[in-house]
Amino acid sequence: MGRGTKMLRVYLDQNKWIDLARASLGKNEAARDVLDVAKEAAKLGIASFPLSAIHYMETWNARSAKRRRDLASTMLKLTRPGPSIGPDTMADPPVVLPMELDVALQRRFGRPLTVRRCAVFGEGVGHAFGRPAVRYEASSDLPLSRVQRSSVEYRASRLLEAESLAGPRVDLPVPGVDMEAYRKPSQAYVEGEKRQVELFKEIRATREQRARYLAAGSLIDILQPLNDALFRAGIKWDELTSLSADEMTDFLRDIPTRHVGYELHCLQHENPELPRGLGDLLDVAALRVAVVYCDAVVTERFWARLIRRAGLDKEYGTTVLSDVRDLMPLLLAAR
């Protein structure tokens, strides 16, 4: 919530942040006006532009230190306009999932009696990755007054948060920074998708068969947290597995972030010739949360089109755009 009013939550994918960073450097005048209005809206507490864990990873993936730091500077101007230590951030899908599972189980089985809660929006890199906050604590040996200690810790913590986003001050590769480890999940995803496409071709899967197969895969992906949620609710596996295939798919749709990923996945498989990119896994991971919990999402045309085709924008009351300049009416209306 903003200062006495509902805050407009706007998710920008990495390419849209790059558009704004270029505008900040005078290289994209078309987006300059929306950048200025967005800064003012953030400063007034009218709008928030939360960063996800994906933003941190993709920013670090840029080899040019200057490019990373220019981008991080623009991000911080919008996500940390006031005295906050860390930028506005959005929780990762695994952090949100337990709450959503409890709600879905309660809706279908009347249990658990209490639902685990999750702060979808918070502050700093720790919140984005579901970890403790990154904060500096001055040594008790330093000869500082209470006021001085507080000031040193505040400034150092802000610097740590900024550096966590901007990454190394030198061009990559950097000794000790394994960028291949960052790429491995995306590479495995692309390879798995190729095998999936070939399997569907081989068995000549119908649209309904593909949908059921992908629904089953989505539920298998969350087997451990689902098992934990069932145990906590006192629900036996037999109660869940007694559901029909259609009922299991409906249960999946009751889990909002999984629902978004599932619908986008189904639409991707309608076209077997559609190329899979290394960025797809990260894009969908962030969109799962953004589409459900943000007021507006500005993403690539491809994803915006699929989100609208699946009716996810209407389902979750989210404005979906593909051009950052189209944010202007929303920001002006919020102001």
Protein backbone atom coordinates (compact mmCIF):
# COMPACT_ATOMS: atom_id res chain seq x y z
CA MET A 1 0.00 0.00 0.00
CA GLY A 2 1.14 3.52 -0.74
CA ARG A 3 0.94 6.48 1.60
CA GLY A 4 -2.77 6.33 2.39
CA THR A 5 -3.73 4.96 -1.03
CA LYS A 6 -3.54 1.69 -2.98
CA MET A 7 -0.19 1.37 -4.66
CA LEU A 8 -0.04 0.43 -8.34
CA ARG A 9 2.25 -2.60 -8.71
CA VAL A 10 3.94 -2.69 -12.11
CA TYR A 11 6.13 -5.55 -13.28
CA LEU A 12 8.64 -4.74 -16.03
CA ASP A 13 10.53 -7.54 -17.69
CA GLN A 14 14.26 -7.14 -18.27
CA ASN A 15 13.92 -5.76 -21.80
CA LYS A 16 11.59 -3.02 -20.57
CA TRP A 17 14.05 -2.04 -17.86
CA ILE A 18 16.68 -1.81 -20.58
CA ASP A 19 14.37 0.50 -22.54
CA LEU A 20 14.11 2.79 -19.51
CA ALA A 21 17.86 2.63 -18.85
CA ARG A 22 18.49 3.75 -22.43
CA ALA A 23 16.00 6.58 -21.95
CA SER A 24 17.87 7.63 -18.81
CA LEU A 25 21.07 7.83 -20.91
CA GLY A 26 19.35 9.85 -23.63
CA LYS A 27 19.37 6.95 -26.11
CA ASN A 28 15.63 6.28 -26.16
CA GLU A 29 13.75 9.57 -26.15
CA ALA A 30 10.46 7.77 -26.90
CA ALA A 31 10.49 6.32 -23.38
CA ARG A 32 11.82 9.42 -21.62
CA ASP A 33 8.44 10.83 -20.62
CA VAL A 34 7.20 7.58 -19.11
CA LEU A 35 10.47 7.27 -17.18
CA ASP A 36 10.00 10.75 -15.69
CA VAL A 37 6.38 10.05 -14.72
CA ALA A 38 7.34 6.64 -13.29
CA LYS A 39 10.04 8.25 -11.13
CA GLU A 40 7.55 10.77 -9.77
CA ALA A 41 4.94 8.07 -9.11
CA ALA A 42 7.52 5.97 -7.25
CA LYS A 43 8.69 8.99 -5.26
CA LEU A 44 5.13 9.78 -4.18
CA GLY A 45 4.46 6.14 -3.23
CA ILE A 46 1.76 5.86 -5.88
CA ALA A 47 3.46 3.13 -7.91
CA SER A 48 5.98 0.39 -7.24
CA PHE A 49 8.10 -1.42 -9.82
CA PRO A 50 9.23 -4.55 -7.94
CA LEU A 51 12.26 -6.54 -9.01
CA SER A 52 12.24 -10.33 -9.06
CA ALA A 53 15.09 -12.76 -8.50
CA ILE A 54 15.14 -13.10 -12.29
CA HIS A 55 16.06 -9.43 -12.68
CA TYR A 56 19.10 -9.93 -10.47
CA MET A 57 20.21 -13.02 -12.40
CA GLU A 58 19.70 -11.47 -15.82
CA THR A 59 21.46 -8.25 -14.81
CA TRP A 60 24.46 -10.24 -13.57
CA ASN A 61 24.48 -12.17 -16.84
CA ALA A 62 25.50 -9.05 -18.81
CA ARG A 63 29.24 -9.22 -19.44
CA SER A 64 29.73 -5.45 -19.59
CA ALA A 65 30.17 -3.90 -16.13
CA LYS A 66 29.13 -0.49 -17.45
CA ARG A 67 25.94 -1.89 -18.95
CA ARG A 68 25.08 -3.69 -15.71
CA ARG A 69 25.67 -0.64 -13.58
CA ASP A 70 23.78 1.74 -15.86
CA LEU A 71 20.83 -0.67 -15.77
CA ALA A 72 21.02 -1.12 -12.00
CA SER A 73 21.13 2.65 -11.53
CA THR A 74 17.84 3.07 -13.41
CA MET A 75 16.26 0.17 -11.53
CA LEU A 76 17.21 1.64 -8.17
CA LYS A 77 15.84 5.09 -9.07
CA LEU A 78 12.40 3.54 -9.53
CA THR A 79 12.49 0.75 -6.95
CA ARG A 80 14.30 2.62 -4.16
CA PRO A 81 13.25 6.27 -4.53
CA GLY A 82 13.21 7.04 -0.79
CA PRO A 83 15.30 6.14 2.26
CA SER A 84 14.66 2.39 1.96
CA ILE A 85 17.76 0.23 2.25
CA GLY A 86 16.79 -2.23 -0.47
CA PRO A 87 14.71 -1.93 -3.64
CA ASP A 88 11.08 -3.02 -3.89
CA THR A 89 11.12 -6.73 -4.67
CA MET A 90 8.72 -9.56 -5.47
CA ALA A 91 8.85 -13.03 -3.94
CA ASP A 92 10.06 -16.03 -5.93
CA PRO A 93 7.43 -18.65 -7.01
CA PRO A 94 8.58 -21.31 -4.48
CA VAL A 95 8.09 -18.79 -1.65
CA VAL A 96 4.50 -18.02 -2.71
CA LEU A 97 3.58 -21.65 -3.42
CA PRO A 98 2.87 -22.90 0.16
CA MET A 99 0.24 -20.19 0.70
CA GLU A 100 -1.40 -20.98 -2.64
CA LEU A 101 -1.41 -24.72 -1.93
CA ASP A 102 -3.13 -24.16 1.42
CA VAL A 103 -5.81 -22.04 -0.22
CA ALA A 104 -6.36 -24.58 -3.02
CA LEU A 105 -6.64 -27.50 -0.57
CA GLN A 106 -8.94 -25.56 1.73
CA ARG A 107 -11.22 -24.73 -1.20
CA ARG A 108 -11.52 -28.36 -2.28
CA PHE A 109 -11.24 -30.31 0.99
CA GLY A 110 -12.07 -27.73 3.67
CA ARG A 111 -8.59 -28.14 5.14
CA PRO A 112 -6.20 -26.83 6.43
CA LEU A 113 -8.10 -24.67 8.91
CA THR A 114 -5.42 -21.97 8.74
CA VAL A 115 -3.56 -20.82 5.65
CA ARG A 116 0.15 -20.01 5.65
CA ARG A 117 0.73 -16.42 4.61
CA CYS A 118 3.43 -14.95 2.42
CA ALA A 119 4.55 -11.37 1.80
CA VAL A 120 4.53 -11.31 -1.99
CA PHE A 121 6.04 -7.83 -2.03
CA GLY A 122 8.92 -6.75 0.17
CA GLU A 123 12.32 -5.15 0.19
CA GLY A 124 15.77 -6.18 -0.94
CA VAL A 125 17.64 -9.01 -2.58
CA GLY A 126 16.98 -11.29 0.40
CA HIS A 127 13.23 -11.05 -0.09
CA ALA A 128 13.55 -11.61 -3.86
CA PHE A 129 15.42 -14.89 -3.29
CA GLY A 130 13.52 -16.00 -0.19
CA ARG A 131 16.55 -15.51 2.05
CA PRO A 132 17.49 -13.31 5.03
CA ALA A 133 18.01 -9.62 4.37
CA VAL A 134 21.48 -8.46 3.31
CA ARG A 135 22.55 -6.06 6.04
CA TYR A 136 25.84 -4.72 7.38
CA GLU A 137 26.48 -4.81 11.11
CA ALA A 138 29.31 -2.65 12.39
CA SER A 139 31.78 -4.35 14.72
CA SER A 140 31.24 -3.62 18.39
CA ASP A 141 34.98 -2.81 18.56
CA LEU A 142 34.55 0.31 16.42
CA PRO A 143 34.56 3.51 18.52
CA LEU A 144 31.18 4.76 17.29
CA SER A 145 28.28 6.43 19.03
CA ARG A 146 24.83 4.89 18.62
CA VAL A 147 23.94 7.52 16.01
CA GLN A 148 27.20 7.03 14.14
CA ARG A 149 26.82 3.24 14.19
CA SER A 150 23.28 3.50 12.85
CA SER A 151 24.43 5.82 10.06
CA VAL A 152 27.35 3.59 9.06
CA GLU A 153 25.19 0.45 9.03
CA TYR A 154 22.47 2.17 7.01
CA ARG A 155 24.85 3.50 4.33
CA ALA A 156 26.80 0.25 4.10
CA SER A 157 23.60 -1.81 3.82
CA ARG A 158 22.31 0.41 1.01
CA LEU A 159 25.62 -0.06 -0.78
CA LEU A 160 25.45 -3.84 -0.32
CA GLU A 161 21.94 -3.90 -1.78
CA ALA A 162 23.03 -1.81 -4.78
CA GLU A 163 26.07 -4.00 -5.42
CA SER A 164 23.93 -7.14 -5.16
CA LEU A 165 21.96 -5.86 -8.12
CA ALA A 166 24.75 -4.27 -10.21
CA GLY A 167 27.23 -7.10 -9.87
CA PRO A 168 31.03 -6.96 -10.21
CA ARG A 169 32.65 -3.64 -11.11
CA VAL A 170 34.67 -5.32 -13.86
CA ASP A 171 33.60 -7.04 -17.07
CA LEU A 172 32.78 -10.73 -16.93
CA PRO A 173 34.05 -13.39 -16.73
CA VAL A 174 35.22 -12.92 -13.15
CA PRO A 175 37.13 -15.62 -11.23
CA GLY A 176 34.74 -17.29 -8.83
CA VAL A 177 31.60 -16.29 -10.77
CA ASP A 178 30.31 -19.41 -12.56
CA MET A 179 27.94 -18.14 -15.24
CA GLU A 180 27.60 -21.66 -16.68
CA ALA A 181 25.88 -22.73 -13.46
CA TYR A 182 23.37 -19.93 -14.08
CA ARG A 183 22.65 -21.23 -17.59
CA LYS A 184 22.36 -24.95 -16.80
CA PRO A 185 18.69 -24.94 -15.69
CA SER A 186 17.68 -23.00 -18.80
CA GLN A 187 19.65 -25.35 -21.06
CA ALA A 188 18.05 -28.37 -19.38
CA TYR A 189 14.63 -26.78 -19.86
CA VAL A 190 15.19 -26.20 -23.59
CA GLU A 191 16.42 -29.77 -24.09
CA GLY A 192 13.45 -31.13 -22.13
CA GLU A 193 11.05 -29.08 -24.22
CA LYS A 194 12.54 -30.44 -27.44
CA ARG A 195 12.07 -34.00 -26.19
CA GLN A 196 8.51 -33.14 -25.18
CA VAL A 197 7.70 -31.81 -28.63
CA GLU A 198 9.11 -34.95 -30.27
CA LEU A 199 7.09 -37.17 -27.93
CA PHE A 200 3.85 -35.35 -28.73
CA LYS A 201 4.61 -35.70 -32.45
CA GLU A 202 5.41 -39.40 -32.09
CA ILE A 203 2.18 -40.27 -30.30
CA ARG A 204 0.18 -37.72 -32.34
CA ALA A 205 -1.14 -36.21 -29.14
CA THR A 206 -4.40 -34.32 -29.31
CA ARG A 207 -4.85 -30.96 -27.64
CA GLU A 208 -6.64 -32.64 -24.73
CA GLN A 209 -3.88 -35.24 -24.32
CA ARG A 210 -1.20 -32.54 -24.33
CA ALA A 211 -3.12 -30.54 -21.74
CA ARG A 212 -3.47 -33.52 -19.39
CA TYR A 213 0.16 -34.53 -19.81
CA LEU A 214 1.38 -31.00 -19.08
CA ALA A 215 -0.96 -30.70 -16.09
CA ALA A 216 0.47 -33.92 -14.66
CA GLY A 217 4.00 -32.62 -15.24
CA SER A 218 3.21 -29.36 -13.49
CA LEU A 219 1.90 -31.20 -10.43
CA ILE A 220 4.92 -33.52 -10.39
CA ASP A 221 7.16 -30.43 -10.37
CA ILE A 222 5.67 -29.40 -7.01
CA LEU A 223 5.44 -32.88 -5.50
CA GLN A 224 7.48 -32.11 -2.37
CA PRO A 225 5.71 -28.86 -1.37
CA LEU A 226 2.37 -30.49 -2.22
CA ASN A 227 3.22 -33.44 0.02
CA ASP A 228 4.15 -31.03 2.83
CA ALA A 229 0.87 -29.14 2.37
CA LEU A 230 -1.19 -32.35 2.45
CA PHE A 231 0.55 -33.52 5.62
CA ARG A 232 0.01 -30.14 7.28
CA ALA A 233 -3.69 -30.19 6.31
CA GLY A 234 -4.19 -33.78 7.47
CA ILE A 235 -5.24 -34.87 3.97
CA LYS A 236 -4.23 -38.34 2.79
CA TRP A 237 -2.83 -38.83 -0.70
CA ASP A 238 -5.76 -41.17 -1.44
CA GLU A 239 -8.14 -38.24 -1.11
CA LEU A 240 -6.22 -36.27 -3.71
CA THR A 241 -5.52 -39.11 -6.13
CA SER A 242 -9.17 -40.17 -6.05
CA LEU A 243 -9.93 -37.04 -8.07
CA SER A 244 -10.60 -37.51 -11.78
CA ALA A 245 -8.16 -36.18 -14.40
CA ASP A 246 -10.39 -33.15 -14.98
CA GLU A 247 -10.67 -32.53 -11.25
CA MET A 248 -6.88 -32.71 -10.88
CA THR A 249 -6.51 -30.14 -13.64
CA ASP A 250 -9.06 -27.94 -11.88
CA PHE A 251 -7.04 -28.32 -8.68
CA LEU A 252 -3.94 -27.17 -10.56
CA ARG A 253 -5.86 -24.14 -11.78
CA ASP A 254 -6.68 -23.32 -8.15
CA ILE A 255 -2.94 -22.73 -7.57
CA PRO A 256 -2.56 -19.31 -9.25
CA THR A 257 1.17 -19.23 -10.03
CA ARG A 258 1.11 -22.81 -11.31
CA HIS A 259 -2.05 -22.04 -13.28
CA VAL A 260 -0.29 -19.22 -15.16
CA GLY A 261 2.70 -21.41 -16.01
CA TYR A 262 0.46 -24.28 -17.09
CA GLU A 263 -1.69 -22.20 -19.45
CA LEU A 264 1.35 -20.60 -21.08
CA HIS A 265 2.97 -24.01 -21.45
CA CYS A 266 -0.12 -25.43 -23.15
CA LEU A 267 -0.23 -22.58 -25.65
CA GLN A 268 3.48 -22.96 -26.41
CA HIS A 269 2.87 -26.61 -27.33
CA GLU A 270 0.12 -25.74 -29.76
CA ASN A 271 2.91 -24.87 -32.19
CA PRO A 272 5.53 -27.67 -32.33
CA GLU A 273 7.77 -25.53 -34.56
CA LEU A 274 7.96 -22.73 -32.02
CA PRO A 275 11.62 -22.25 -31.05
CA ARG A 276 12.47 -22.55 -27.35
CA GLY A 277 14.92 -20.00 -25.96
CA LEU A 278 17.24 -20.05 -22.96
CA GLY A 279 15.28 -17.15 -21.49
CA ASP A 280 11.90 -18.91 -21.57
CA LEU A 281 12.30 -20.64 -18.21
CA LEU A 282 13.23 -17.39 -16.44
CA ASP A 283 10.53 -15.38 -18.22
CA VAL A 284 7.77 -17.75 -17.15
CA ALA A 285 9.12 -18.05 -13.60
CA ALA A 286 8.77 -14.29 -13.12
CA LEU A 287 5.47 -13.99 -15.01
CA ARG A 288 3.88 -16.66 -12.80
CA VAL A 289 3.97 -14.29 -9.84
CA ALA A 290 3.69 -11.00 -11.73
CA VAL A 291 0.52 -11.84 -13.65
CA VAL A 292 -1.25 -13.00 -10.49
CA TYR A 293 -0.17 -10.35 -7.99
CA CYS A 294 0.78 -7.20 -9.94
CA ASP A 295 -1.67 -4.65 -11.32
CA ALA A 296 0.20 -4.32 -14.60
CA VAL A 297 2.77 -6.39 -16.48
CA VAL A 298 4.91 -5.07 -19.32
CA THR A 299 6.55 -7.94 -21.14
CA GLU A 300 7.58 -9.13 -24.60
CA ARG A 301 4.90 -9.22 -27.29
CA PHE A 302 5.08 -13.00 -27.48
CA TRP A 303 4.26 -13.48 -23.79
CA ALA A 304 1.71 -10.66 -23.76
CA ARG A 305 -0.12 -12.34 -26.62
CA LEU A 306 -0.15 -15.74 -24.91
CA ILE A 307 -1.31 -14.25 -21.60
CA ARG A 308 -4.25 -12.59 -23.35
CA ARG A 309 -5.08 -15.71 -25.39
CA ALA A 310 -5.26 -17.74 -22.19
CA GLY A 311 -7.47 -15.07 -20.60
CA LEU A 312 -5.06 -14.77 -17.68
CA ASP A 313 -5.19 -10.97 -17.74
CA LYS A 314 -8.96 -11.09 -17.16
CA GLU A 315 -8.72 -13.97 -14.68
CA TYR A 316 -6.39 -12.03 -12.40
CA GLY A 317 -7.39 -8.45 -13.26
CA THR A 318 -3.98 -7.59 -14.66
CA THR A 319 -3.26 -5.03 -17.37
CA VAL A 320 -0.83 -6.66 -19.81
CA LEU A 321 1.25 -4.46 -22.11
CA SER A 322 4.16 -4.99 -24.49
CA ASP A 323 5.37 -1.37 -24.86
CA VAL A 324 6.64 0.51 -21.82
CA ARG A 325 5.27 3.76 -23.26
CA ASP A 326 1.74 2.39 -22.87
CA LEU A 327 2.19 2.67 -19.10
CA MET A 328 1.65 6.43 -19.25
CA PRO A 329 -2.19 6.38 -18.96
CA LEU A 330 -2.01 3.97 -16.01
CA LEU A 331 0.56 6.07 -14.18
CA LEU A 332 -1.31 9.31 -14.80
CA ALA A 333 -4.59 7.76 -13.65
CA ALA A 334 -2.93 6.47 -10.48
CA ARG A 335 -1.51 9.90 -9.79
